Amino acid sequence: MILLFTSDNCAWCDVLKKMLEEESEELGLLESIYEVNVDHHHHIAEAYSILVVPTLVSAMHKISGVPTADDLRSFILQVNAGARTTFKKHTPRSVLREVREIQSFNDEEEHIVRNA
């Protein structure tokens, strides 16, 4: 699963979407790409520490801005390699579940720091 963080007024986001479409066709990508508009879903962006759009996130991989074609291809190949070994199916609900887990972890960490 790849999350593409975008914004309503982001011209570069459209550039990256087009690049993703081209790479997906060329590589025969089976991976799901979910667009997350930070203007409407700021809580998800906060959970993933997104400061810049466009940003692509998948598991431990993150790339911000508009990457070169080679960097985008490398990102997609890394994601696909990881997807083959995890066998975990992602849905929009699982994304929100992961966000809640991240927020919960961050809240616990903040509590520990405050009480130390």
PDB file of N, CA and C in Angstrom:
ATOM      1  N   MET A   1       0.832  -1.166   0.000  1.00  0.00           N
ATOM      2  CA  MET A   1       0.000   0.000   0.000  1.00  0.00           C
ATOM      3  C   MET A   1       0.884   1.238   0.000  1.00  0.00           C
ATOM      4  N   ILE A   2       0.523   2.186  -0.831  1.00  0.00           N
ATOM      5  CA  ILE A   2       1.213   3.472  -0.898  1.00  0.00           C
ATOM      6  C   ILE A   2       0.209   4.559  -0.568  1.00  0.00           C
ATOM      7  N   LEU A   3       0.595   5.450   0.329  1.00  0.00           N
ATOM      8  CA  LEU A   3      -0.224   6.627   0.617  1.00  0.00           C
ATOM      9  C   LEU A   3       0.389   7.810  -0.110  1.00  0.00           C
ATOM     10  N   LEU A   4      -0.431   8.521  -0.865  1.00  0.00           N
ATOM     11  CA  LEU A   4       0.007   9.730  -1.561  1.00  0.00           C
ATOM     12  C   LEU A   4      -0.670  10.909  -0.881  1.00  0.00           C
ATOM     13  N   PHE A   5       0.107  11.703  -0.157  1.00  0.00           N
ATOM     14  CA  PHE A   5      -0.416  12.870   0.533  1.00  0.00           C
ATOM     15  C   PHE A   5      -0.406  14.064  -0.417  1.00  0.00           C
ATOM     16  N   THR A   6      -1.585  14.670  -0.581  1.00  0.00           N
ATOM     17  CA  THR A   6      -1.759  15.788  -1.504  1.00  0.00           C
ATOM     18  C   THR A   6      -2.505  16.920  -0.812  1.00  0.00           C
ATOM     19  N   SER A   7      -2.667  18.006  -1.560  1.00  0.00           N
ATOM     20  CA  SER A   7      -3.415  19.159  -1.079  1.00  0.00           C
ATOM     21  C   SER A   7      -4.222  19.730  -2.240  1.00  0.00           C
ATOM     22  N   ASP A   8      -5.287  20.436  -1.914  1.00  0.00           N
ATOM     23  CA  ASP A   8      -6.151  21.011  -2.952  1.00  0.00           C
ATOM     24  C   ASP A   8      -5.418  21.965  -3.891  1.00  0.00           C
ATOM     25  N   ASN A   9      -4.488  22.730  -3.363  1.00  0.00           N
ATOM     26  CA  ASN A   9      -3.813  23.766  -4.155  1.00  0.00           C
ATOM     27  C   ASN A   9      -2.379  23.407  -4.517  1.00  0.00           C
ATOM     28  N   CYS A  10      -2.116  22.134  -4.692  1.00  0.00           N
ATOM     29  CA  CYS A  10      -0.756  21.669  -4.963  1.00  0.00           C
ATOM     30  C   CYS A  10      -0.615  21.273  -6.431  1.00  0.00           C
ATOM     31  N   ALA A  11       0.054  22.116  -7.202  1.00  0.00           N
ATOM     32  CA  ALA A  11       0.284  21.809  -8.624  1.00  0.00           C
ATOM     33  C   ALA A  11       1.239  20.632  -8.786  1.00  0.00           C
ATOM     34  N   TRP A  12       2.212  20.503  -7.894  1.00  0.00           N
ATOM     35  CA  TRP A  12       3.182  19.416  -7.981  1.00  0.00           C
ATOM     36  C   TRP A  12       2.539  18.063  -7.684  1.00  0.00           C
ATOM     37  N   CYS A  13       1.452  18.076  -6.932  1.00  0.00           N
ATOM     38  CA  CYS A  13       0.755  16.820  -6.627  1.00  0.00           C
ATOM     39  C   CYS A  13       0.229  16.180  -7.911  1.00  0.00           C
ATOM     40  N   ASP A  14      -0.302  17.007  -8.816  1.00  0.00           N
ATOM     41  CA  ASP A  14      -0.801  16.489 -10.093  1.00  0.00           C
ATOM     42  C   ASP A  14       0.332  15.920 -10.946  1.00  0.00           C
ATOM     43  N   VAL A  15       1.494  16.560 -10.869  1.00  0.00           N
ATOM     44  CA  VAL A  15       2.666  16.071 -11.600  1.00  0.00           C
ATOM     45  C   VAL A  15       3.040  14.675 -11.090  1.00  0.00           C
ATOM     46  N   LEU A  16       3.062  14.523  -9.778  1.00  0.00           N
ATOM     47  CA  LEU A  16       3.426  13.233  -9.200  1.00  0.00           C
ATOM     48  C   LEU A  16       2.360  12.174  -9.498  1.00  0.00           C
ATOM     49  N   LYS A  17       1.095  12.546  -9.482  1.00  0.00           N
ATOM     50  CA  LYS A  17       0.027  11.592  -9.822  1.00  0.00           C
ATOM     51  C   LYS A  17       0.224  11.045 -11.235  1.00  0.00           C
ATOM     52  N   LYS A  18       0.558  11.931 -12.164  1.00  0.00           N
ATOM     53  CA  LYS A  18       0.785  11.500 -13.548  1.00  0.00           C
ATOM     54  C   LYS A  18       1.985  10.553 -13.621  1.00  0.00           C
ATOM     55  N   MET A  19       3.059  10.898 -12.905  1.00  0.00           N
ATOM     56  CA  MET A  19       4.241  10.036 -12.875  1.00  0.00           C
ATOM     57  C   MET A  19       3.891   8.659 -12.313  1.00  0.00           C
ATOM     58  N   LEU A  20       3.088   8.637 -11.246  1.00  0.00           N
ATOM     59  CA  LEU A  20       2.684   7.365 -10.640  1.00  0.00           C
ATOM     60  C   LEU A  20       1.854   6.526 -11.600  1.00  0.00           C
ATOM     61  N   GLU A  21       0.962   7.173 -12.325  1.00  0.00           N
ATOM     62  CA  GLU A  21       0.153   6.454 -13.311  1.00  0.00           C
ATOM     63  C   GLU A  21       1.037   5.812 -14.371  1.00  0.00           C
ATOM     64  N   GLU A  22       2.012   6.571 -14.874  1.00  0.00           N
ATOM     65  CA  GLU A  22       2.909   6.052 -15.905  1.00  0.00           C
ATOM     66  C   GLU A  22       3.735   4.883 -15.373  1.00  0.00           C
ATOM     67  N   GLU A  23       4.293   5.040 -14.182  1.00  0.00           N
ATOM     68  CA  GLU A  23       5.113   3.968 -13.603  1.00  0.00           C
ATOM     69  C   GLU A  23       4.258   2.745 -13.285  1.00  0.00           C
ATOM     70  N   SER A  24       3.050   2.966 -12.815  1.00  0.00           N
ATOM     71  CA  SER A  24       2.161   1.844 -12.491  1.00  0.00           C
ATOM     72  C   SER A  24       1.855   1.025 -13.730  1.00  0.00           C
ATOM     73  N   GLU A  25       1.588   1.701 -14.831  1.00  0.00           N
ATOM     74  CA  GLU A  25       1.319   1.004 -16.086  1.00  0.00           C
ATOM     75  C   GLU A  25       2.545   0.234 -16.558  1.00  0.00           C
ATOM     76  N   GLU A  26       3.700   0.901 -16.516  1.00  0.00           N
ATOM     77  CA  GLU A  26       4.930   0.290 -17.016  1.00  0.00           C
ATOM     78  C   GLU A  26       5.368  -0.905 -16.181  1.00  0.00           C
ATOM     79  N   LEU A  27       5.225  -0.806 -14.854  1.00  0.00           N
ATOM     80  CA  LEU A  27       5.673  -1.878 -13.970  1.00  0.00           C
ATOM     81  C   LEU A  27       4.583  -2.901 -13.686  1.00  0.00           C
ATOM     82  N   GLY A  28       3.385  -2.634 -14.169  1.00  0.00           N
ATOM     83  CA  GLY A  28       2.276  -3.537 -13.876  1.00  0.00           C
ATOM     84  C   GLY A  28       1.998  -3.593 -12.388  1.00  0.00           C
ATOM     85  N   LEU A  29       1.993  -2.444 -11.776  1.00  0.00           N
ATOM     86  CA  LEU A  29       1.816  -2.350 -10.325  1.00  0.00           C
ATOM     87  C   LEU A  29       0.485  -2.915  -9.867  1.00  0.00           C
ATOM     88  N   LEU A  30       0.535  -3.812  -8.954  1.00  0.00           N
ATOM     89  CA  LEU A  30      -0.682  -4.327  -8.339  1.00  0.00           C
ATOM     90  C   LEU A  30      -0.941  -3.642  -7.004  1.00  0.00           C
ATOM     91  N   GLU A  31       0.030  -2.893  -6.551  1.00  0.00           N
ATOM     92  CA  GLU A  31      -0.048  -2.205  -5.265  1.00  0.00           C
ATOM     93  C   GLU A  31      -1.135  -1.143  -5.292  1.00  0.00           C
ATOM     94  N   SER A  32      -1.839  -1.002  -4.210  1.00  0.00           N
ATOM     95  CA  SER A  32      -2.881   0.019  -4.102  1.00  0.00           C
ATOM     96  C   SER A  32      -2.258   1.345  -3.710  1.00  0.00           C
ATOM     97  N   ILE A  33      -2.736   2.388  -4.340  1.00  0.00           N
ATOM     98  CA  ILE A  33      -2.293   3.741  -4.016  1.00  0.00           C
ATOM     99  C   ILE A  33      -3.505   4.501  -3.507  1.00  0.00           C
ATOM    100  N   TYR A  34      -3.403   5.003  -2.281  1.00  0.00           N
ATOM    101  CA  TYR A  34      -4.479   5.763  -1.672  1.00  0.00           C
ATOM    102  C   TYR A  34      -4.069   7.218  -1.559  1.00  0.00           C
ATOM    103  N   GLU A  35      -4.890   8.104  -2.093  1.00  0.00           N
ATOM    104  CA  GLU A  35      -4.620   9.533  -1.978  1.00  0.00           C
ATOM    105  C   GLU A  35      -5.225  10.039  -0.678  1.00  0.00           C
ATOM    106  N   VAL A  36      -4.425  10.775   0.074  1.00  0.00           N
ATOM    107  CA  VAL A  36      -4.873  11.376   1.326  1.00  0.00           C
ATOM    108  C   VAL A  36      -4.703  12.881   1.192  1.00  0.00           C
ATOM    109  N   ASN A  37      -5.819  13.581   1.108  1.00  0.00           N
ATOM    110  CA  ASN A  37      -5.784  15.032   0.992  1.00  0.00           C
ATOM    111  C   ASN A  37      -5.599  15.617   2.393  1.00  0.00           C
ATOM    112  N   VAL A  38      -4.468  16.300   2.605  1.00  0.00           N
ATOM    113  CA  VAL A  38      -4.150  16.818   3.933  1.00  0.00           C
ATOM    114  C   VAL A  38      -5.091  17.937   4.357  1.00  0.00           C
ATOM    115  N   ASP A  39      -5.755  18.577   3.400  1.00  0.00           N
ATOM    116  CA  ASP A  39      -6.714  19.630   3.747  1.00  0.00           C
ATOM    117  C   ASP A  39      -7.964  19.039   4.394  1.00  0.00           C
ATOM    118  N   HIS A  40      -8.297  17.818   4.030  1.00  0.00           N
ATOM    119  CA  HIS A  40      -9.500  17.168   4.544  1.00  0.00           C
ATOM    120  C   HIS A  40      -9.203  16.134   5.615  1.00  0.00           C
ATOM    121  N   HIS A  41      -7.984  15.590   5.618  1.00  0.00           N
ATOM    122  CA  HIS A  41      -7.613  14.530   6.559  1.00  0.00           C
ATOM    123  C   HIS A  41      -6.315  14.886   7.270  1.00  0.00           C
ATOM    124  N   HIS A  42      -6.308  16.036   7.922  1.00  0.00           N
ATOM    125  CA  HIS A  42      -5.087  16.522   8.583  1.00  0.00           C
ATOM    126  C   HIS A  42      -4.633  15.583   9.696  1.00  0.00           C
ATOM    127  N   HIS A  43      -5.561  14.869  10.333  1.00  0.00           N
ATOM    128  CA  HIS A  43      -5.194  13.946  11.408  1.00  0.00           C
ATOM    129  C   HIS A  43      -4.345  12.780  10.882  1.00  0.00           C
ATOM    130  N   ILE A  44      -4.619  12.347   9.678  1.00  0.00           N
ATOM    131  CA  ILE A  44      -3.803  11.277   9.082  1.00  0.00           C
ATOM    132  C   ILE A  44      -2.416  11.837   8.741  1.00  0.00           C
ATOM    133  N   ALA A  45      -2.378  13.040   8.178  1.00  0.00           N
ATOM    134  CA  ALA A  45      -1.097  13.675   7.850  1.00  0.00           C
ATOM    135  C   ALA A  45      -0.256  13.879   9.109  1.00  0.00           C
ATOM    136  N   GLU A  46      -0.891  14.293  10.197  1.00  0.00           N
ATOM    137  CA  GLU A  46      -0.167  14.488  11.452  1.00  0.00           C
ATOM    138  C   GLU A  46       0.392  13.162  11.974  1.00  0.00           C
ATOM    139  N   ALA A  47      -0.398  12.118  11.868  1.00  0.00           N
ATOM    140  CA  ALA A  47       0.048  10.809  12.363  1.00  0.00           C
ATOM    141  C   ALA A  47       1.273  10.309  11.608  1.00  0.00           C
ATOM    142  N   TYR A  48       1.370  10.638  10.339  1.00  0.00           N
ATOM    143  CA  TYR A  48       2.510  10.228   9.523  1.00  0.00           C
ATOM    144  C   TYR A  48       3.600  11.307   9.451  1.00  0.00           C
ATOM    145  N   SER A  49       3.434  12.381  10.224  1.00  0.00           N
ATOM    146  CA  SER A  49       4.410  13.489  10.268  1.00  0.00           C
ATOM    147  C   SER A  49       4.662  14.082   8.886  1.00  0.00           C
ATOM    148  N   ILE A  50       3.597  14.336   8.151  1.00  0.00           N
ATOM    149  CA  ILE A  50       3.708  14.903   6.811  1.00  0.00           C
ATOM    150  C   ILE A  50       3.790  16.418   6.920  1.00  0.00           C
ATOM    151  N   LEU A  51       4.876  16.986   6.427  1.00  0.00           N
ATOM    152  CA  LEU A  51       5.081  18.433   6.461  1.00  0.00           C
ATOM    153  C   LEU A  51       5.058  19.047   5.074  1.00  0.00           C
ATOM    154  N   VAL A  52       5.215  18.216   4.047  1.00  0.00           N
ATOM    155  CA  VAL A  52       5.337  18.693   2.667  1.00  0.00           C
ATOM    156  C   VAL A  52       4.448  17.833   1.781  1.00  0.00           C
ATOM    157  N   VAL A  53       3.793  18.473   0.819  1.00  0.00           N
ATOM    158  CA  VAL A  53       3.071  17.718  -0.207  1.00  0.00           C
ATOM    159  C   VAL A  53       3.690  18.051  -1.551  1.00  0.00           C
ATOM    160  N   PRO A  54       3.736  17.108  -2.443  1.00  0.00           N
ATOM    161  CA  PRO A  54       3.315  15.729  -2.279  1.00  0.00           C
ATOM    162  C   PRO A  54       4.337  14.918  -1.497  1.00  0.00           C
ATOM    163  N   THR A  55       3.829  13.910  -0.805  1.00  0.00           N
ATOM    164  CA  THR A  55       4.680  12.940  -0.105  1.00  0.00           C
ATOM    165  C   THR A  55       4.098  11.558  -0.308  1.00  0.00           C
ATOM    166  N   LEU A  56       4.975  10.612  -0.593  1.00  0.00           N
ATOM    167  CA  LEU A  56       4.597   9.206  -0.712  1.00  0.00           C
ATOM    168  C   LEU A  56       5.093   8.467   0.522  1.00  0.00           C
ATOM    169  N   VAL A  57       4.239   7.622   1.081  1.00  0.00           N
ATOM    170  CA  VAL A  57       4.608   6.840   2.255  1.00  0.00           C
ATOM    171  C   VAL A  57       4.172   5.405   2.040  1.00  0.00           C
ATOM    172  N   SER A  58       5.068   4.496   2.376  1.00  0.00           N
ATOM    173  CA  SER A  58       4.726   3.082   2.396  1.00  0.00           C
ATOM    174  C   SER A  58       5.627   2.403   3.404  1.00  0.00           C
ATOM    175  N   ALA A  59       5.000   1.867   4.442  1.00  0.00           N
ATOM    176  CA  ALA A  59       5.734   1.212   5.524  1.00  0.00           C
ATOM    177  C   ALA A  59       6.826   2.143   6.035  1.00  0.00           C
ATOM    178  N   MET A  60       8.057   1.752   5.912  1.00  0.00           N
ATOM    179  CA  MET A  60       9.161   2.563   6.419  1.00  0.00           C
ATOM    180  C   MET A  60       9.759   3.479   5.352  1.00  0.00           C
ATOM    181  N   HIS A  61       9.177   3.488   4.175  1.00  0.00           N
ATOM    182  CA  HIS A  61       9.694   4.300   3.076  1.00  0.00           C
ATOM    183  C   HIS A  61       8.887   5.584   2.948  1.00  0.00           C
ATOM    184  N   LYS A  62       9.597   6.694   2.754  1.00  0.00           N
ATOM    185  CA  LYS A  62       8.930   7.984   2.590  1.00  0.00           C
ATOM    186  C   LYS A  62       9.728   8.803   1.595  1.00  0.00           C
ATOM    187  N   ILE A  63       9.025   9.475   0.694  1.00  0.00           N
ATOM    188  CA  ILE A  63       9.687  10.356  -0.262  1.00  0.00           C
ATOM    189  C   ILE A  63       8.818  11.597  -0.433  1.00  0.00           C
ATOM    190  N   SER A  64       9.420  12.766  -0.231  1.00  0.00           N
ATOM    191  CA  SER A  64       8.682  14.036  -0.299  1.00  0.00           C
ATOM    192  C   SER A  64       9.096  14.837  -1.519  1.00  0.00           C
ATOM    193  N   GLY A  65       8.159  15.644  -1.999  1.00  0.00           N
ATOM    194  CA  GLY A  65       8.418  16.448  -3.189  1.00  0.00           C
ATOM    195  C   GLY A  65       8.192  15.619  -4.442  1.00  0.00           C
ATOM    196  N   VAL A  66       8.646  16.136  -5.557  1.00  0.00           N
ATOM    197  CA  VAL A  66       8.513  15.408  -6.819  1.00  0.00           C
ATOM    198  C   VAL A  66       9.850  14.719  -7.101  1.00  0.00           C
ATOM    199  N   PRO A  67       9.869  13.401  -7.018  1.00  0.00           N
ATOM    200  CA  PRO A  67      11.123  12.675  -7.234  1.00  0.00           C
ATOM    201  C   PRO A  67      11.469  12.599  -8.716  1.00  0.00           C
ATOM    202  N   THR A  68      12.705  12.277  -8.985  1.00  0.00           N
ATOM    203  CA  THR A  68      13.078  11.982 -10.369  1.00  0.00           C
ATOM    204  C   THR A  68      12.400  10.669 -10.750  1.00  0.00           C
ATOM    205  N   ALA A  69      12.340  10.389 -12.017  1.00  0.00           N
ATOM    206  CA  ALA A  69      11.726   9.144 -12.479  1.00  0.00           C
ATOM    207  C   ALA A  69      12.449   7.935 -11.883  1.00  0.00           C
ATOM    208  N   ASP A  70      13.781   8.010 -11.804  1.00  0.00           N
ATOM    209  CA  ASP A  70      14.557   6.896 -11.242  1.00  0.00           C
ATOM    210  C   ASP A  70      14.273   6.711  -9.756  1.00  0.00           C
ATOM    211  N   ASP A  71      14.167   7.828  -9.006  1.00  0.00           N
ATOM    212  CA  ASP A  71      13.871   7.732  -7.579  1.00  0.00           C
ATOM    213  C   ASP A  71      12.469   7.167  -7.338  1.00  0.00           C
ATOM    214  N   LEU A  72      11.511   7.577  -8.165  1.00  0.00           N
ATOM    215  CA  LEU A  72      10.153   7.059  -8.029  1.00  0.00           C
ATOM    216  C   LEU A  72      10.120   5.558  -8.321  1.00  0.00           C
ATOM    217  N   ARG A  73      10.805   5.155  -9.369  1.00  0.00           N
ATOM    218  CA  ARG A  73      10.859   3.734  -9.728  1.00  0.00           C
ATOM    219  C   ARG A  73      11.500   2.929  -8.589  1.00  0.00           C
ATOM    220  N   SER A  74      12.563   3.445  -8.025  1.00  0.00           N
ATOM    221  CA  SER A  74      13.234   2.781  -6.908  1.00  0.00           C
ATOM    222  C   SER A  74      12.293   2.649  -5.712  1.00  0.00           C
ATOM    223  N   PHE A  75      11.564   3.714  -5.405  1.00  0.00           N
ATOM    224  CA  PHE A  75      10.593   3.702  -4.311  1.00  0.00           C
ATOM    225  C   PHE A  75       9.547   2.611  -4.545  1.00  0.00           C
ATOM    226  N   ILE A  76       8.983   2.581  -5.739  1.00  0.00           N
ATOM    227  CA  ILE A  76       7.941   1.607  -6.071  1.00  0.00           C
ATOM    228  C   ILE A  76       8.490   0.179  -5.988  1.00  0.00           C
ATOM    229  N   LEU A  77       9.694  -0.030  -6.487  1.00  0.00           N
ATOM    230  CA  LEU A  77      10.289  -1.364  -6.435  1.00  0.00           C
ATOM    231  C   LEU A  77      10.546  -1.809  -4.992  1.00  0.00           C
ATOM    232  N   GLN A  78      10.973  -0.873  -4.130  1.00  0.00           N
ATOM    233  CA  GLN A  78      11.176  -1.193  -2.719  1.00  0.00           C
ATOM    234  C   GLN A  78       9.853  -1.573  -2.068  1.00  0.00           C
ATOM    235  N   VAL A  79       8.812  -0.805  -2.388  1.00  0.00           N
ATOM    236  CA  VAL A  79       7.487  -1.082  -1.831  1.00  0.00           C
ATOM    237  C   VAL A  79       7.000  -2.445  -2.300  1.00  0.00           C
ATOM    238  N   ASN A  80       7.147  -2.729  -3.584  1.00  0.00           N
ATOM    239  CA  ASN A  80       6.707  -4.016  -4.113  1.00  0.00           C
ATOM    240  C   ASN A  80       7.478  -5.170  -3.495  1.00  0.00           C
ATOM    241  N   ALA A  81       8.771  -5.000  -3.297  1.00  0.00           N
ATOM    242  CA  ALA A  81       9.576  -6.051  -2.675  1.00  0.00           C
ATOM    243  C   ALA A  81       9.093  -6.316  -1.257  1.00  0.00           C
ATOM    244  N   GLY A  82       8.784  -5.260  -0.523  1.00  0.00           N
ATOM    245  CA  GLY A  82       8.263  -5.412   0.835  1.00  0.00           C
ATOM    246  C   GLY A  82       6.876  -6.013   0.844  1.00  0.00           C
ATOM    247  N   ALA A  83       6.063  -5.670  -0.127  1.00  0.00           N
ATOM    248  CA  ALA A  83       4.688  -6.168  -0.184  1.00  0.00           C
ATOM    249  C   ALA A  83       4.661  -7.668  -0.427  1.00  0.00           C
ATOM    250  N   ARG A  84       5.622  -8.166  -1.163  1.00  0.00           N
ATOM    251  CA  ARG A  84       5.651  -9.598  -1.453  1.00  0.00           C
ATOM    252  C   ARG A  84       5.937 -10.421  -0.202  1.00  0.00           C
ATOM    253  N   THR A  85       6.631  -9.809   0.761  1.00  0.00           N
ATOM    254  CA  THR A  85       6.991 -10.582   1.937  1.00  0.00           C
ATOM    255  C   THR A  85       6.034 -10.382   3.103  1.00  0.00           C
ATOM    256  N   THR A  86       5.210  -9.344   3.094  1.00  0.00           N
ATOM    257  CA  THR A  86       4.340  -9.098   4.244  1.00  0.00           C
ATOM    258  C   THR A  86       2.993  -9.790   4.139  1.00  0.00           C
ATOM    259  N   PHE A  87       2.455  -9.980   2.946  1.00  0.00           N
ATOM    260  CA  PHE A  87       1.170 -10.612   2.726  1.00  0.00           C
ATOM    261  C   PHE A  87       0.053  -9.941   3.501  1.00  0.00           C
ATOM    262  N   LYS A  88       0.168  -8.675   3.791  1.00  0.00           N
ATOM    263  CA  LYS A  88      -0.842  -7.969   4.555  1.00  0.00           C
ATOM    264  C   LYS A  88      -1.719  -7.155   3.609  1.00  0.00           C
ATOM    265  N   LYS A  89      -3.002  -7.409   3.644  1.00  0.00           N
ATOM    266  CA  LYS A  89      -3.926  -6.679   2.789  1.00  0.00           C
ATOM    267  C   LYS A  89      -4.324  -5.379   3.485  1.00  0.00           C
ATOM    268  N   HIS A  90      -4.242  -4.293   2.762  1.00  0.00           N
ATOM    269  CA  HIS A  90      -4.595  -2.990   3.316  1.00  0.00           C
ATOM    270  C   HIS A  90      -5.877  -2.490   2.688  1.00  0.00           C
ATOM    271  N   THR A  91      -6.658  -1.868   3.513  1.00  0.00           N
ATOM    272  CA  THR A  91      -7.879  -1.228   3.068  1.00  0.00           C
ATOM    273  C   THR A  91      -7.894   0.164   3.660  1.00  0.00           C
ATOM    274  N   PRO A  92      -8.792   1.030   3.212  1.00  0.00           N
ATOM    275  CA  PRO A  92      -8.874   2.355   3.847  1.00  0.00           C
ATOM    276  C   PRO A  92      -9.074   2.258   5.362  1.00  0.00           C
ATOM    277  N   ARG A  93      -9.828   1.259   5.820  1.00  0.00           N
ATOM    278  CA  ARG A  93     -10.015   1.090   7.268  1.00  0.00           C
ATOM    279  C   ARG A  93      -8.711   0.742   7.959  1.00  0.00           C
ATOM    280  N   SER A  94      -7.887  -0.099   7.317  1.00  0.00           N
ATOM    281  CA  SER A  94      -6.627  -0.471   7.950  1.00  0.00           C
ATOM    282  C   SER A  94      -5.693   0.729   8.038  1.00  0.00           C
ATOM    283  N   VAL A  95      -5.802   1.640   7.065  1.00  0.00           N
ATOM    284  CA  VAL A  95      -5.000   2.866   7.124  1.00  0.00           C
ATOM    285  C   VAL A  95      -5.403   3.665   8.349  1.00  0.00           C
ATOM    286  N   LEU A  96      -6.698   3.821   8.559  1.00  0.00           N
ATOM    287  CA  LEU A  96      -7.173   4.576   9.715  1.00  0.00           C
ATOM    288  C   LEU A  96      -6.806   3.875  11.016  1.00  0.00           C
ATOM    289  N   ARG A  97      -6.837   2.538  11.020  1.00  0.00           N
ATOM    290  CA  ARG A  97      -6.436   1.789  12.209  1.00  0.00           C
ATOM    291  C   ARG A  97      -4.965   2.052  12.523  1.00  0.00           C
ATOM    292  N   GLU A  98      -4.121   2.044  11.492  1.00  0.00           N
ATOM    293  CA  GLU A  98      -2.698   2.328  11.687  1.00  0.00           C
ATOM    294  C   GLU A  98      -2.491   3.742  12.216  1.00  0.00           C
ATOM    295  N   VAL A  99      -3.288   4.688  11.712  1.00  0.00           N
ATOM    296  CA  VAL A  99      -3.189   6.065  12.187  1.00  0.00           C
ATOM    297  C   VAL A  99      -3.517   6.124  13.669  1.00  0.00           C
ATOM    298  N   ARG A 100      -4.584   5.443  14.083  1.00  0.00           N
ATOM    299  CA  ARG A 100      -4.950   5.431  15.503  1.00  0.00           C
ATOM    300  C   ARG A 100      -3.841   4.814  16.346  1.00  0.00           C
ATOM    301  N   GLU A 101      -3.217   3.753  15.856  1.00  0.00           N
ATOM    302  CA  GLU A 101      -2.122   3.122  16.593  1.00  0.00           C
ATOM    303  C   GLU A 101      -0.930   4.065  16.724  1.00  0.00           C
ATOM    304  N   ILE A 102      -0.617   4.772  15.650  1.00  0.00           N
ATOM    305  CA  ILE A 102       0.491   5.729  15.690  1.00  0.00           C
ATOM    306  C   ILE A 102       0.180   6.850  16.672  1.00  0.00           C
ATOM    307  N   GLN A 103      -1.058   7.375  16.618  1.00  0.00           N
ATOM    308  CA  GLN A 103      -1.446   8.447  17.532  1.00  0.00           C
ATOM    309  C   GLN A 103      -1.391   7.969  18.977  1.00  0.00           C
ATOM    310  N   SER A 104      -1.854   6.754  19.233  1.00  0.00           N
ATOM    311  CA  SER A 104      -1.834   6.200  20.580  1.00  0.00           C
ATOM    312  C   SER A 104      -0.400   6.067  21.079  1.00  0.00           C
ATOM    313  N   PHE A 105       0.483   5.567  20.234  1.00  0.00           N
ATOM    314  CA  PHE A 105       1.891   5.430  20.594  1.00  0.00           C
ATOM    315  C   PHE A 105       2.488   6.800  20.900  1.00  0.00           C
ATOM    316  N   ASN A 106       2.196   7.805  20.048  1.00  0.00           N
ATOM    317  CA  ASN A 106       2.719   9.157  20.268  1.00  0.00           C
ATOM    318  C   ASN A 106       2.195   9.752  21.567  1.00  0.00           C
ATOM    319  N   ASP A 107       0.925   9.509  21.886  1.00  0.00           N
ATOM    320  CA  ASP A 107       0.345  10.001  23.137  1.00  0.00           C
ATOM    321  C   ASP A 107       1.022   9.358  24.337  1.00  0.00           C
ATOM    322  N   GLU A 108       1.262   8.037  24.273  1.00  0.00           N
ATOM    323  CA  GLU A 108       1.937   7.336  25.364  1.00  0.00           C
ATOM    324  C   GLU A 108       3.360   7.848  25.543  1.00  0.00           C
ATOM    325  N   GLU A 109       4.040   8.066  24.432  1.00  0.00           N
ATOM    326  CA  GLU A 109       5.414   8.562  24.483  1.00  0.00           C
ATOM    327  C   GLU A 109       5.448   9.957  25.112  1.00  0.00           C
ATOM    328  N   GLU A 110       4.510  10.812  24.732  1.00  0.00           N
ATOM    329  CA  GLU A 110       4.435  12.171  25.287  1.00  0.00           C
ATOM    330  C   GLU A 110       4.155  12.107  26.787  1.00  0.00           C
ATOM    331  N   HIS A 111       3.281  11.204  27.215  1.00  0.00           N
ATOM    332  CA  HIS A 111       2.950  11.045  28.625  1.00  0.00           C
ATOM    333  C   HIS A 111       4.189  10.627  29.428  1.00  0.00           C
ATOM    334  N   ILE A 112       4.951   9.706  28.877  1.00  0.00           N
ATOM    335  CA  ILE A 112       6.166   9.245  29.549  1.00  0.00           C
ATOM    336  C   ILE A 112       7.171  10.380  29.698  1.00  0.00           C
ATOM    337  N   VAL A 113       7.334  11.173  28.630  1.00  0.00           N
ATOM    338  CA  VAL A 113       8.286  12.284  28.666  1.00  0.00           C
ATOM    339  C   VAL A 113       7.859  13.323  29.702  1.00  0.00           C
ATOM    340  N   ARG A 114       6.568  13.644  29.744  1.00  0.00           N
ATOM    341  CA  ARG A 114       6.073  14.640  30.697  1.00  0.00           C
ATOM    342  C   ARG A 114       6.241  14.183  32.139  1.00  0.00           C
ATOM    343  N   ASN A 115       6.106  12.899  32.376  1.00  0.00           N
ATOM    344  CA  ASN A 115       6.185  12.386  33.744  1.00  0.00           C
ATOM    345  C   ASN A 115       7.587  11.960  34.162  1.00  0.00           C
ATOM    346  N   ALA A 116       8.547  12.132  33.261  1.00  0.00           N
ATOM    347  CA  ALA A 116       9.924  11.724  33.595  1.00  0.00           C
ATOM    348  C   ALA A 116      10.629  12.773  34.410  1.00  0.00           C
TER     349      ALA A 116
END
